[in-house]
N, C-alpha and C. Protein backbone atom coordinates (compact mmCIF):
# COMPACT_ATOMS: atom_id res chain seq x y z
N MET A 1 19.63 8.34 -0.67
CA MET A 1 18.74 9.36 -1.27
C MET A 1 19.54 10.57 -1.69
N ILE A 2 20.37 11.07 -0.83
CA ILE A 2 21.32 12.09 -1.24
C ILE A 2 22.67 11.54 -0.79
N ALA A 3 23.38 10.92 -1.72
CA ALA A 3 24.60 10.22 -1.35
C ALA A 3 25.55 11.17 -0.65
N GLY A 4 26.16 10.72 0.38
CA GLY A 4 27.09 11.55 1.14
C GLY A 4 26.38 12.37 2.16
N ALA A 5 25.44 13.22 1.74
CA ALA A 5 24.75 14.11 2.67
C ALA A 5 23.81 13.34 3.57
N VAL A 6 23.24 12.24 3.03
CA VAL A 6 22.24 11.51 3.80
C VAL A 6 22.74 10.16 4.24
N THR A 7 23.25 9.38 3.27
CA THR A 7 23.59 8.01 3.61
C THR A 7 24.76 7.93 4.58
N ALA A 8 25.57 8.98 4.65
CA ALA A 8 26.69 8.97 5.58
C ALA A 8 26.24 9.28 6.99
N LEU A 9 25.03 9.76 7.13
CA LEU A 9 24.53 10.13 8.45
C LEU A 9 23.80 8.95 9.07
N VAL A 10 24.30 8.48 10.16
CA VAL A 10 23.60 7.45 10.92
C VAL A 10 23.47 8.01 12.32
N VAL A 11 22.36 8.67 12.55
CA VAL A 11 22.21 9.42 13.77
C VAL A 11 20.91 9.05 14.45
N ALA A 12 20.80 9.41 15.69
CA ALA A 12 19.59 9.12 16.44
C ALA A 12 18.60 10.24 16.30
N ALA A 13 17.32 9.90 16.29
CA ALA A 13 16.27 10.91 16.26
C ALA A 13 16.31 11.67 17.57
N CYS A 14 15.96 12.95 17.50
CA CYS A 14 16.03 13.81 18.67
C CYS A 14 15.15 13.26 19.79
N GLY A 15 15.80 12.85 20.88
CA GLY A 15 15.07 12.37 22.03
C GLY A 15 14.58 10.96 21.91
N GLY A 16 14.77 10.31 20.73
CA GLY A 16 14.22 8.98 20.54
C GLY A 16 15.16 7.87 20.96
N GLY A 17 16.50 8.13 20.86
CA GLY A 17 17.47 7.15 21.27
C GLY A 17 17.64 6.02 20.27
N GLN A 18 16.99 6.08 19.10
CA GLN A 18 17.10 5.04 18.09
C GLN A 18 17.45 5.65 16.75
N ASN A 19 18.22 4.92 15.97
CA ASN A 19 18.54 5.33 14.61
C ASN A 19 17.27 5.32 13.78
N GLN A 20 16.97 6.47 13.13
CA GLN A 20 15.75 6.56 12.33
C GLN A 20 15.77 5.62 11.14
N ALA A 21 16.93 5.13 10.73
CA ALA A 21 17.03 4.24 9.58
C ALA A 21 17.33 2.80 9.98
N ALA A 22 17.20 2.48 11.27
CA ALA A 22 17.54 1.14 11.75
C ALA A 22 16.66 0.09 11.09
N HIS A 23 17.27 -1.05 10.72
CA HIS A 23 16.57 -2.22 10.18
C HIS A 23 15.85 -1.93 8.87
N GLU A 24 16.35 -0.98 8.11
CA GLU A 24 15.71 -0.66 6.83
C GLU A 24 16.00 -1.76 5.81
N PRO A 25 14.97 -2.35 5.19
CA PRO A 25 15.20 -3.40 4.20
C PRO A 25 15.81 -2.85 2.92
N ARG A 26 16.47 -3.71 2.18
CA ARG A 26 17.09 -3.31 0.92
C ARG A 26 16.19 -3.72 -0.24
N GLY A 27 16.01 -2.81 -1.21
CA GLY A 27 15.21 -3.16 -2.37
C GLY A 27 14.60 -1.94 -3.02
N LYS A 28 13.87 -2.19 -4.12
CA LYS A 28 13.18 -1.14 -4.85
C LYS A 28 11.69 -1.19 -4.53
N PHE A 29 11.10 -0.02 -4.32
CA PHE A 29 9.69 0.07 -3.95
C PHE A 29 8.98 1.00 -4.94
N PRO A 30 8.11 0.46 -5.80
CA PRO A 30 7.42 1.29 -6.80
C PRO A 30 6.46 2.30 -6.16
N VAL A 31 6.49 3.51 -6.68
CA VAL A 31 5.58 4.56 -6.22
C VAL A 31 5.04 5.31 -7.43
N ALA A 32 3.98 6.06 -7.21
CA ALA A 32 3.42 6.97 -8.21
C ALA A 32 3.18 8.31 -7.53
N ILE A 33 3.44 9.37 -8.24
CA ILE A 33 3.23 10.72 -7.71
C ILE A 33 1.88 11.22 -8.22
N GLY A 34 0.89 11.24 -7.33
CA GLY A 34 -0.44 11.65 -7.75
C GLY A 34 -0.62 13.16 -7.80
N THR A 35 0.07 13.86 -6.94
CA THR A 35 -0.03 15.32 -6.88
C THR A 35 1.36 15.90 -6.68
N ALA A 36 1.66 16.96 -7.42
CA ALA A 36 2.91 17.71 -7.23
C ALA A 36 2.61 19.15 -7.60
N THR A 37 2.31 19.98 -6.59
CA THR A 37 1.88 21.35 -6.87
C THR A 37 2.60 22.36 -5.99
N PHE A 38 2.91 23.50 -6.59
CA PHE A 38 3.46 24.66 -5.90
C PHE A 38 3.22 25.84 -6.85
N PRO A 39 2.48 26.88 -6.43
CA PRO A 39 2.14 27.97 -7.36
C PRO A 39 3.37 28.57 -8.02
N SER A 40 3.31 28.72 -9.34
CA SER A 40 4.45 29.25 -10.10
C SER A 40 4.56 30.76 -10.00
N ALA A 41 3.47 31.44 -9.63
CA ALA A 41 3.49 32.90 -9.45
C ALA A 41 3.02 33.21 -8.03
N GLN A 42 3.89 33.86 -7.26
CA GLN A 42 3.58 34.20 -5.88
C GLN A 42 4.00 35.64 -5.61
N THR A 43 3.63 36.15 -4.45
CA THR A 43 4.03 37.49 -4.05
C THR A 43 4.61 37.44 -2.65
N LEU A 44 5.35 38.46 -2.30
CA LEU A 44 5.90 38.55 -0.96
C LEU A 44 4.80 38.45 0.09
N SER A 45 5.07 37.73 1.14
CA SER A 45 4.15 37.56 2.28
C SER A 45 2.94 36.70 1.96
N GLU A 46 2.90 36.11 0.76
CA GLU A 46 1.78 35.27 0.41
C GLU A 46 1.94 33.88 1.05
N HIS A 47 0.87 33.37 1.61
CA HIS A 47 0.86 32.05 2.21
C HIS A 47 0.44 31.02 1.15
N THR A 48 1.30 30.05 0.90
CA THR A 48 1.03 29.03 -0.11
C THR A 48 1.38 27.64 0.43
N HIS A 49 1.14 26.62 -0.39
CA HIS A 49 1.44 25.25 -0.01
C HIS A 49 2.18 24.53 -1.13
N LEU A 50 3.22 23.81 -0.76
CA LEU A 50 3.85 22.85 -1.66
C LEU A 50 3.32 21.48 -1.25
N VAL A 51 2.70 20.78 -2.20
CA VAL A 51 2.03 19.52 -1.87
C VAL A 51 2.52 18.41 -2.80
N LEU A 52 2.90 17.29 -2.21
CA LEU A 52 3.26 16.09 -2.94
C LEU A 52 2.47 14.91 -2.37
N ALA A 53 1.81 14.16 -3.24
CA ALA A 53 1.08 12.97 -2.82
C ALA A 53 1.77 11.74 -3.41
N VAL A 54 2.20 10.83 -2.55
CA VAL A 54 2.95 9.65 -2.97
C VAL A 54 2.09 8.41 -2.74
N ARG A 55 1.89 7.61 -3.79
CA ARG A 55 1.10 6.37 -3.69
C ARG A 55 2.01 5.16 -3.81
N ASN A 56 1.80 4.19 -2.97
CA ASN A 56 2.53 2.93 -3.06
C ASN A 56 1.89 2.09 -4.16
N SER A 57 2.54 2.01 -5.31
CA SER A 57 2.00 1.28 -6.45
C SER A 57 2.56 -0.14 -6.54
N GLY A 58 3.31 -0.55 -5.53
CA GLY A 58 3.88 -1.88 -5.53
C GLY A 58 3.11 -2.85 -4.66
N ARG A 59 3.74 -4.00 -4.36
CA ARG A 59 3.09 -5.06 -3.60
C ARG A 59 3.65 -5.20 -2.19
N LYS A 60 4.67 -4.39 -1.86
CA LYS A 60 5.29 -4.46 -0.54
C LYS A 60 5.07 -3.14 0.20
N THR A 61 5.01 -3.22 1.51
CA THR A 61 4.90 -2.01 2.33
C THR A 61 6.20 -1.23 2.26
N ILE A 62 6.09 0.06 1.99
CA ILE A 62 7.28 0.92 1.96
C ILE A 62 7.70 1.21 3.39
N PRO A 63 8.97 1.04 3.74
CA PRO A 63 9.42 1.19 5.13
C PRO A 63 9.18 2.58 5.71
N ASP A 64 9.53 3.63 4.96
CA ASP A 64 9.42 4.99 5.49
C ASP A 64 9.47 5.97 4.33
N VAL A 65 8.31 6.47 3.91
CA VAL A 65 8.26 7.39 2.78
C VAL A 65 8.85 8.74 3.19
N ALA A 66 9.82 9.20 2.43
CA ALA A 66 10.52 10.44 2.78
C ALA A 66 10.65 11.34 1.56
N VAL A 67 10.63 12.65 1.79
CA VAL A 67 10.83 13.64 0.73
C VAL A 67 11.90 14.63 1.16
N THR A 68 12.83 14.88 0.27
CA THR A 68 13.87 15.89 0.49
C THR A 68 13.59 17.10 -0.39
N ILE A 69 13.68 18.28 0.20
CA ILE A 69 13.50 19.54 -0.53
C ILE A 69 14.87 20.20 -0.70
N CYS A 70 15.21 20.54 -1.95
CA CYS A 70 16.54 21.08 -2.24
C CYS A 70 16.44 22.43 -2.96
N ASN A 71 17.56 23.11 -3.00
CA ASN A 71 17.68 24.35 -3.75
C ASN A 71 18.22 24.02 -5.14
N VAL A 72 17.41 24.20 -6.16
CA VAL A 72 17.74 24.02 -7.59
C VAL A 72 17.77 22.55 -7.99
N THR A 73 18.53 21.71 -7.29
CA THR A 73 18.63 20.30 -7.66
C THR A 73 18.88 19.46 -6.42
N CYS A 74 18.42 18.21 -6.46
CA CYS A 74 18.73 17.25 -5.40
C CYS A 74 19.83 16.30 -5.83
N ALA A 75 20.37 16.47 -7.05
CA ALA A 75 21.40 15.57 -7.56
C ALA A 75 22.66 15.71 -6.71
N TYR A 76 23.41 14.62 -6.63
CA TYR A 76 24.66 14.64 -5.88
C TYR A 76 25.79 14.15 -6.78
N PRO A 77 26.93 14.86 -6.77
CA PRO A 77 27.19 16.10 -6.03
C PRO A 77 26.56 17.30 -6.72
N ALA A 78 26.10 18.24 -5.94
CA ALA A 78 25.48 19.45 -6.48
C ALA A 78 26.49 20.59 -6.46
N PRO A 79 26.32 21.57 -7.34
CA PRO A 79 27.20 22.74 -7.31
C PRO A 79 27.13 23.45 -5.97
N ALA A 80 28.16 24.21 -5.66
CA ALA A 80 28.21 24.94 -4.39
C ALA A 80 26.98 25.81 -4.23
N GLY A 81 26.36 25.74 -3.05
CA GLY A 81 25.17 26.55 -2.78
C GLY A 81 23.88 25.94 -3.26
N GLU A 82 23.96 24.74 -3.86
CA GLU A 82 22.75 24.06 -4.32
C GLU A 82 22.62 22.71 -3.61
N GLY A 83 21.57 21.99 -3.96
CA GLY A 83 21.35 20.71 -3.31
C GLY A 83 20.99 20.88 -1.85
N SER A 84 21.32 19.89 -1.03
CA SER A 84 20.97 19.96 0.38
C SER A 84 21.98 20.73 1.20
N SER A 85 23.02 21.31 0.53
CA SER A 85 23.96 22.16 1.27
C SER A 85 23.29 23.44 1.72
N ALA A 86 22.26 23.87 1.00
CA ALA A 86 21.44 25.00 1.42
C ALA A 86 20.23 24.46 2.17
N SER A 87 19.73 25.22 3.11
CA SER A 87 18.55 24.79 3.86
C SER A 87 17.35 24.67 2.92
N ALA A 88 16.40 23.84 3.32
CA ALA A 88 15.18 23.69 2.52
C ALA A 88 14.46 25.02 2.40
N PHE A 89 13.95 25.32 1.19
CA PHE A 89 13.24 26.57 0.91
C PHE A 89 14.13 27.79 1.17
N ALA A 90 15.43 27.62 0.93
CA ALA A 90 16.39 28.70 1.16
C ALA A 90 17.45 28.67 0.07
N ALA A 91 18.37 29.63 0.10
CA ALA A 91 19.50 29.67 -0.81
C ALA A 91 20.72 30.18 -0.05
N ASP A 92 21.89 29.73 -0.47
CA ASP A 92 23.12 30.17 0.17
C ASP A 92 23.54 31.52 -0.40
N ILE A 93 24.09 32.37 0.45
CA ILE A 93 24.67 33.63 0.01
C ILE A 93 26.18 33.54 0.15
N SER A 94 26.88 34.34 -0.63
CA SER A 94 28.34 34.32 -0.57
C SER A 94 28.81 35.27 0.52
N GLY A 95 29.98 34.98 1.03
CA GLY A 95 30.54 35.83 2.08
C GLY A 95 31.38 35.01 3.02
N SER A 96 32.32 35.66 3.65
CA SER A 96 33.20 34.96 4.58
C SER A 96 32.67 35.10 6.00
N ASN A 97 33.16 34.21 6.86
CA ASN A 97 32.84 34.25 8.29
C ASN A 97 31.34 34.11 8.57
N LEU A 98 30.67 33.32 7.72
CA LEU A 98 29.24 33.07 7.94
C LEU A 98 29.07 31.71 8.61
N ALA A 99 28.47 31.70 9.78
CA ALA A 99 28.22 30.43 10.46
C ALA A 99 27.22 29.61 9.67
N ASN A 100 26.24 30.27 9.07
CA ASN A 100 25.24 29.59 8.24
C ASN A 100 24.93 30.48 7.04
N PRO A 101 25.38 30.09 5.83
CA PRO A 101 25.17 30.96 4.67
C PRO A 101 23.76 30.93 4.12
N SER A 102 22.90 30.00 4.56
CA SER A 102 21.55 29.89 4.01
C SER A 102 20.66 31.02 4.48
N ARG A 103 19.92 31.57 3.55
CA ARG A 103 18.94 32.61 3.86
C ARG A 103 17.60 32.19 3.27
N PRO A 104 16.52 32.32 4.03
CA PRO A 104 15.23 31.80 3.56
C PRO A 104 14.67 32.53 2.35
N ILE A 105 14.11 31.76 1.44
CA ILE A 105 13.30 32.31 0.35
C ILE A 105 11.83 32.19 0.75
N TRP A 106 11.52 31.07 1.40
CA TRP A 106 10.21 30.87 2.02
C TRP A 106 10.41 30.50 3.49
N ILE A 107 9.57 30.99 4.35
CA ILE A 107 9.53 30.55 5.73
C ILE A 107 8.55 29.38 5.80
N VAL A 108 8.98 28.29 6.43
CA VAL A 108 8.10 27.13 6.59
C VAL A 108 7.21 27.36 7.80
N ASP A 109 5.94 27.66 7.55
CA ASP A 109 4.99 27.88 8.64
C ASP A 109 4.61 26.57 9.32
N ARG A 110 4.51 25.51 8.51
CA ARG A 110 4.20 24.19 9.05
C ARG A 110 4.66 23.12 8.09
N GLY A 111 5.41 22.16 8.60
CA GLY A 111 5.89 21.07 7.78
C GLY A 111 4.91 19.92 7.74
N PRO A 112 5.21 18.88 6.95
CA PRO A 112 4.33 17.70 6.86
C PRO A 112 4.26 16.95 8.19
N GLY A 113 3.18 16.23 8.36
CA GLY A 113 3.01 15.41 9.56
C GLY A 113 2.06 16.04 10.56
N ALA A 114 1.67 15.25 11.53
CA ALA A 114 0.74 15.72 12.56
C ALA A 114 1.35 16.90 13.32
N CYS A 115 0.51 17.84 13.67
CA CYS A 115 0.97 19.03 14.38
C CYS A 115 0.74 18.84 15.87
N GLY A 116 1.77 18.40 16.58
CA GLY A 116 1.67 18.21 18.02
C GLY A 116 2.22 19.39 18.78
N TYR A 117 2.74 19.12 19.96
CA TYR A 117 3.21 20.19 20.85
C TYR A 117 4.29 21.04 20.19
N SER A 118 5.29 20.38 19.56
CA SER A 118 6.39 21.12 18.95
C SER A 118 5.90 22.03 17.84
N CYS A 119 5.06 21.48 16.94
CA CYS A 119 4.54 22.25 15.82
C CYS A 119 3.71 23.44 16.30
N GLU A 120 2.90 23.22 17.30
CA GLU A 120 2.05 24.29 17.82
C GLU A 120 2.85 25.41 18.46
N ASN A 121 4.12 25.12 18.79
CA ASN A 121 4.98 26.13 19.39
C ASN A 121 6.11 26.56 18.46
N GLY A 122 5.86 26.44 17.15
CA GLY A 122 6.80 26.94 16.16
C GLY A 122 7.77 25.92 15.62
N GLY A 123 7.64 24.65 16.00
CA GLY A 123 8.51 23.60 15.50
C GLY A 123 8.14 23.18 14.09
N GLN A 124 8.86 22.17 13.55
CA GLN A 124 8.73 21.80 12.15
C GLN A 124 7.70 20.71 11.88
N GLY A 125 7.01 20.22 12.89
CA GLY A 125 5.99 19.21 12.65
C GLY A 125 6.53 17.81 12.85
N ALA A 126 5.62 16.84 12.87
CA ALA A 126 5.98 15.46 13.21
C ALA A 126 6.81 14.78 12.13
N GLY A 127 6.81 15.29 10.90
CA GLY A 127 7.53 14.63 9.81
C GLY A 127 9.00 14.95 9.73
N THR A 128 9.49 15.87 10.54
CA THR A 128 10.90 16.26 10.45
C THR A 128 11.81 15.12 10.86
N THR A 129 13.01 15.06 10.26
CA THR A 129 13.97 14.01 10.56
C THR A 129 15.33 14.62 10.88
N ALA A 130 16.26 13.76 11.24
CA ALA A 130 17.62 14.20 11.53
C ALA A 130 18.46 14.35 10.25
N TYR A 131 17.87 14.08 9.10
CA TYR A 131 18.58 14.13 7.83
C TYR A 131 18.35 15.47 7.14
N ALA A 132 19.34 15.90 6.34
CA ALA A 132 19.32 17.23 5.74
C ALA A 132 18.07 17.45 4.88
N ASN A 133 17.28 18.46 5.27
CA ASN A 133 16.15 18.93 4.46
C ASN A 133 15.13 17.84 4.14
N THR A 134 15.00 16.86 5.02
CA THR A 134 14.19 15.67 4.73
C THR A 134 13.09 15.48 5.75
N TRP A 135 11.88 15.19 5.23
CA TRP A 135 10.72 14.87 6.06
C TRP A 135 10.29 13.45 5.74
N ALA A 136 9.86 12.70 6.74
CA ALA A 136 9.41 11.33 6.54
C ALA A 136 8.09 11.11 7.28
N LEU A 137 7.20 10.35 6.66
CA LEU A 137 5.87 10.14 7.24
C LEU A 137 5.56 8.67 7.52
N GLY A 138 6.59 7.82 7.53
CA GLY A 138 6.40 6.46 8.00
C GLY A 138 6.05 5.45 6.92
N ARG A 139 5.55 4.28 7.38
CA ARG A 139 5.25 3.16 6.51
C ARG A 139 4.03 3.44 5.63
N LEU A 140 4.06 2.84 4.44
CA LEU A 140 2.95 3.02 3.50
C LEU A 140 2.62 1.67 2.87
N LYS A 141 1.40 1.20 3.12
CA LYS A 141 0.97 -0.09 2.61
C LYS A 141 0.65 -0.02 1.11
N PRO A 142 0.67 -1.15 0.42
CA PRO A 142 0.35 -1.17 -1.01
C PRO A 142 -1.03 -0.56 -1.29
N GLY A 143 -1.08 0.29 -2.31
CA GLY A 143 -2.33 0.93 -2.71
C GLY A 143 -2.66 2.19 -1.95
N GLN A 144 -1.98 2.46 -0.84
CA GLN A 144 -2.28 3.65 -0.05
C GLN A 144 -1.48 4.85 -0.54
N THR A 145 -2.00 6.04 -0.21
CA THR A 145 -1.36 7.31 -0.59
C THR A 145 -1.09 8.13 0.65
N ILE A 146 0.06 8.79 0.66
CA ILE A 146 0.41 9.67 1.77
C ILE A 146 0.70 11.06 1.22
N ARG A 147 0.30 12.08 1.97
CA ARG A 147 0.35 13.46 1.46
C ARG A 147 1.35 14.29 2.27
N PHE A 148 2.32 14.86 1.57
CA PHE A 148 3.27 15.79 2.17
C PHE A 148 2.81 17.21 1.85
N ASP A 149 2.66 18.03 2.87
CA ASP A 149 2.14 19.38 2.69
C ASP A 149 2.98 20.36 3.50
N TRP A 150 3.66 21.26 2.80
CA TRP A 150 4.42 22.32 3.46
C TRP A 150 3.65 23.64 3.32
N ALA A 151 3.28 24.25 4.43
CA ALA A 151 2.69 25.58 4.41
C ALA A 151 3.83 26.58 4.53
N VAL A 152 3.97 27.45 3.53
CA VAL A 152 5.12 28.36 3.49
C VAL A 152 4.68 29.79 3.18
N THR A 153 5.56 30.72 3.49
CA THR A 153 5.34 32.14 3.20
C THR A 153 6.56 32.69 2.48
N ALA A 154 6.36 33.30 1.31
CA ALA A 154 7.48 33.85 0.53
C ALA A 154 8.03 35.11 1.18
N VAL A 155 9.36 35.18 1.30
CA VAL A 155 10.00 36.35 1.92
C VAL A 155 11.12 36.92 1.06
N GLN A 156 11.37 36.34 -0.12
CA GLN A 156 12.44 36.83 -0.98
C GLN A 156 11.95 36.87 -2.43
N PRO A 157 11.86 38.09 -3.03
CA PRO A 157 11.38 38.17 -4.41
C PRO A 157 12.41 37.62 -5.39
N GLY A 158 11.95 37.32 -6.60
CA GLY A 158 12.84 36.87 -7.65
C GLY A 158 12.42 35.54 -8.23
N HIS A 159 13.27 35.03 -9.14
CA HIS A 159 13.02 33.73 -9.76
C HIS A 159 13.75 32.66 -8.97
N HIS A 160 13.02 31.65 -8.53
CA HIS A 160 13.60 30.61 -7.69
C HIS A 160 13.19 29.23 -8.21
N VAL A 161 14.03 28.26 -7.91
CA VAL A 161 13.74 26.87 -8.26
C VAL A 161 13.79 26.02 -7.00
N VAL A 162 12.75 25.24 -6.79
CA VAL A 162 12.68 24.30 -5.66
C VAL A 162 12.67 22.89 -6.24
N ALA A 163 13.61 22.07 -5.78
CA ALA A 163 13.68 20.67 -6.24
C ALA A 163 13.19 19.74 -5.13
N TRP A 164 12.65 18.59 -5.54
CA TRP A 164 12.18 17.60 -4.57
C TRP A 164 12.56 16.21 -5.03
N GLN A 165 12.68 15.31 -4.05
CA GLN A 165 13.07 13.94 -4.35
C GLN A 165 12.44 13.01 -3.32
N VAL A 166 11.93 11.87 -3.78
CA VAL A 166 11.23 10.92 -2.90
C VAL A 166 12.11 9.70 -2.66
N ALA A 167 12.09 9.21 -1.42
CA ALA A 167 12.80 7.99 -1.07
C ALA A 167 11.87 7.06 -0.31
N ALA A 168 12.24 5.78 -0.25
CA ALA A 168 11.44 4.79 0.46
C ALA A 168 11.98 4.51 1.85
N GLY A 169 13.06 5.18 2.22
CA GLY A 169 13.66 5.03 3.53
C GLY A 169 14.73 6.08 3.73
N LEU A 170 15.31 6.11 4.92
CA LEU A 170 16.27 7.15 5.24
C LEU A 170 17.73 6.71 5.12
N ASN A 171 17.98 5.43 4.95
CA ASN A 171 19.36 4.94 4.98
C ASN A 171 19.92 4.61 3.61
N GLY A 172 19.10 4.75 2.55
CA GLY A 172 19.56 4.47 1.21
C GLY A 172 19.39 3.03 0.77
N ASN A 173 18.98 2.13 1.68
CA ASN A 173 18.78 0.73 1.31
C ASN A 173 17.46 0.55 0.56
N ALA A 174 16.41 1.22 1.01
CA ALA A 174 15.10 1.13 0.37
C ALA A 174 14.97 2.28 -0.63
N ARG A 175 14.81 1.93 -1.91
CA ARG A 175 14.78 2.93 -2.97
C ARG A 175 13.38 3.05 -3.56
N ALA A 176 12.88 4.27 -3.64
CA ALA A 176 11.61 4.53 -4.33
C ALA A 176 11.88 4.64 -5.82
N VAL A 177 11.04 3.98 -6.63
CA VAL A 177 11.20 4.03 -8.08
C VAL A 177 9.85 4.24 -8.74
N LEU A 178 9.86 4.92 -9.88
CA LEU A 178 8.67 5.06 -10.70
C LEU A 178 8.51 3.83 -11.57
N SER A 179 7.44 3.77 -12.36
CA SER A 179 7.16 2.60 -13.19
C SER A 179 8.26 2.36 -14.23
N ASN A 180 9.00 3.44 -14.60
CA ASN A 180 10.09 3.28 -15.58
C ASN A 180 11.43 2.98 -14.92
N GLY A 181 11.43 2.83 -13.60
CA GLY A 181 12.65 2.49 -12.88
C GLY A 181 13.45 3.67 -12.38
N SER A 182 13.04 4.89 -12.74
CA SER A 182 13.78 6.08 -12.31
C SER A 182 13.34 6.52 -10.92
N GLN A 183 14.18 7.34 -10.30
CA GLN A 183 13.84 7.86 -8.97
C GLN A 183 12.84 9.00 -9.11
N PRO A 184 11.79 9.02 -8.30
CA PRO A 184 10.81 10.10 -8.38
C PRO A 184 11.41 11.42 -7.89
N HIS A 185 11.42 12.39 -8.77
CA HIS A 185 11.95 13.70 -8.42
C HIS A 185 11.38 14.73 -9.38
N GLY A 186 11.59 16.01 -9.07
CA GLY A 186 11.10 17.08 -9.94
C GLY A 186 11.50 18.43 -9.41
N THR A 187 11.10 19.46 -10.12
CA THR A 187 11.40 20.84 -9.71
C THR A 187 10.18 21.73 -9.94
N PHE A 188 10.14 22.82 -9.19
CA PHE A 188 9.15 23.87 -9.37
C PHE A 188 9.89 25.17 -9.65
N ALA A 189 9.57 25.82 -10.75
CA ALA A 189 10.10 27.16 -11.04
C ALA A 189 9.07 28.18 -10.57
N VAL A 190 9.49 29.10 -9.71
CA VAL A 190 8.55 30.03 -9.08
C VAL A 190 9.06 31.46 -9.22
N GLU A 191 8.16 32.35 -9.60
CA GLU A 191 8.46 33.77 -9.65
C GLU A 191 7.74 34.44 -8.49
N VAL A 192 8.53 35.03 -7.58
CA VAL A 192 7.96 35.71 -6.42
C VAL A 192 8.02 37.22 -6.67
N GLY A 193 6.85 37.85 -6.79
CA GLY A 193 6.79 39.28 -7.01
C GLY A 193 7.18 40.07 -5.78
N ASN A 194 7.62 41.31 -5.98
CA ASN A 194 8.11 42.11 -4.84
C ASN A 194 7.04 42.98 -4.21
N THR A 195 5.79 42.81 -4.63
CA THR A 195 4.69 43.58 -4.04
C THR A 195 3.80 42.65 -3.23
N PRO A 196 3.68 42.87 -1.93
CA PRO A 196 2.82 42.01 -1.11
C PRO A 196 1.37 42.12 -1.56
N PRO A 197 0.56 41.09 -1.35
CA PRO A 197 -0.86 41.15 -1.73
C PRO A 197 -1.59 42.21 -0.92
N GLN A 198 -2.51 42.89 -1.57
CA GLN A 198 -3.32 43.89 -0.89
C GLN A 198 -4.52 43.20 -0.25
N GLN A 199 -4.71 43.43 1.02
CA GLN A 199 -5.77 42.76 1.75
C GLN A 199 -6.65 43.77 2.47
N TYR A 200 -7.88 43.34 2.76
CA TYR A 200 -8.78 44.17 3.54
C TYR A 200 -9.72 43.27 4.32
N VAL A 201 -10.39 43.82 5.30
CA VAL A 201 -11.34 43.07 6.11
C VAL A 201 -12.74 43.38 5.59
N ASN A 202 -13.48 42.34 5.18
CA ASN A 202 -14.82 42.56 4.65
C ASN A 202 -15.85 42.70 5.77
N ASN A 203 -17.11 42.84 5.39
CA ASN A 203 -18.17 43.08 6.38
C ASN A 203 -18.41 41.88 7.30
N ASN A 204 -17.91 40.73 6.92
CA ASN A 204 -18.05 39.54 7.76
C ASN A 204 -16.85 39.33 8.69
N GLY A 205 -15.94 40.31 8.68
CA GLY A 205 -14.76 40.20 9.52
C GLY A 205 -13.70 39.29 8.97
N GLN A 206 -13.77 38.93 7.69
CA GLN A 206 -12.79 38.06 7.06
C GLN A 206 -11.72 38.87 6.34
N VAL A 207 -10.47 38.40 6.42
CA VAL A 207 -9.36 39.03 5.70
C VAL A 207 -9.31 38.43 4.30
N VAL A 208 -9.48 39.25 3.28
CA VAL A 208 -9.49 38.77 1.90
C VAL A 208 -8.52 39.59 1.07
N ASN A 209 -8.05 38.99 -0.05
CA ASN A 209 -7.17 39.69 -0.97
C ASN A 209 -7.98 40.54 -1.95
N SER A 210 -7.44 41.68 -2.29
CA SER A 210 -8.08 42.54 -3.28
C SER A 210 -8.00 41.87 -4.65
N PRO A 211 -9.03 42.01 -5.48
CA PRO A 211 -8.99 41.39 -6.82
C PRO A 211 -7.94 42.07 -7.70
């Protein structure tokens, strides 16, 4: 899915003791992207969602539907500071002696997957994997659709690009393809304004944005 960054990693899931990509079949698995949304205009501190809906349009069960979120592009090799070298929903900054150059553009409030104990205590949700910037939601039978939903909050103003890419597994053997044979991927161009939304509490005790 991301050559080098992903396929070179054969690691165990945290606490699971098993390779997340073990026994992955080799082949192409047709998919269709039913939904791909992320607001193009946002403001600081605004809570939004990036949503991707993946449908299995083929005749075989997809081993493990996965989505990688990248900075600018998911292509490999990517320019310095782009691709999966930067954290998901983040960008790398220049400078020496930085243990981690990535700085968030959006904070991930909740990642895809069921929200269990870890998620309820600030973790990334059940869909997180040991692979760079990648979430996986498991097997998908023919005709079924699975929904990836990231709840995020913008923390850095400016013009930003978020790239995404879909895979049918974590080890690179199972490949997701569109009807034309290409890999499902895309980008969102987003302008984050530097003025936080104005909010107030109405007579019903609800927090609402000013028009």
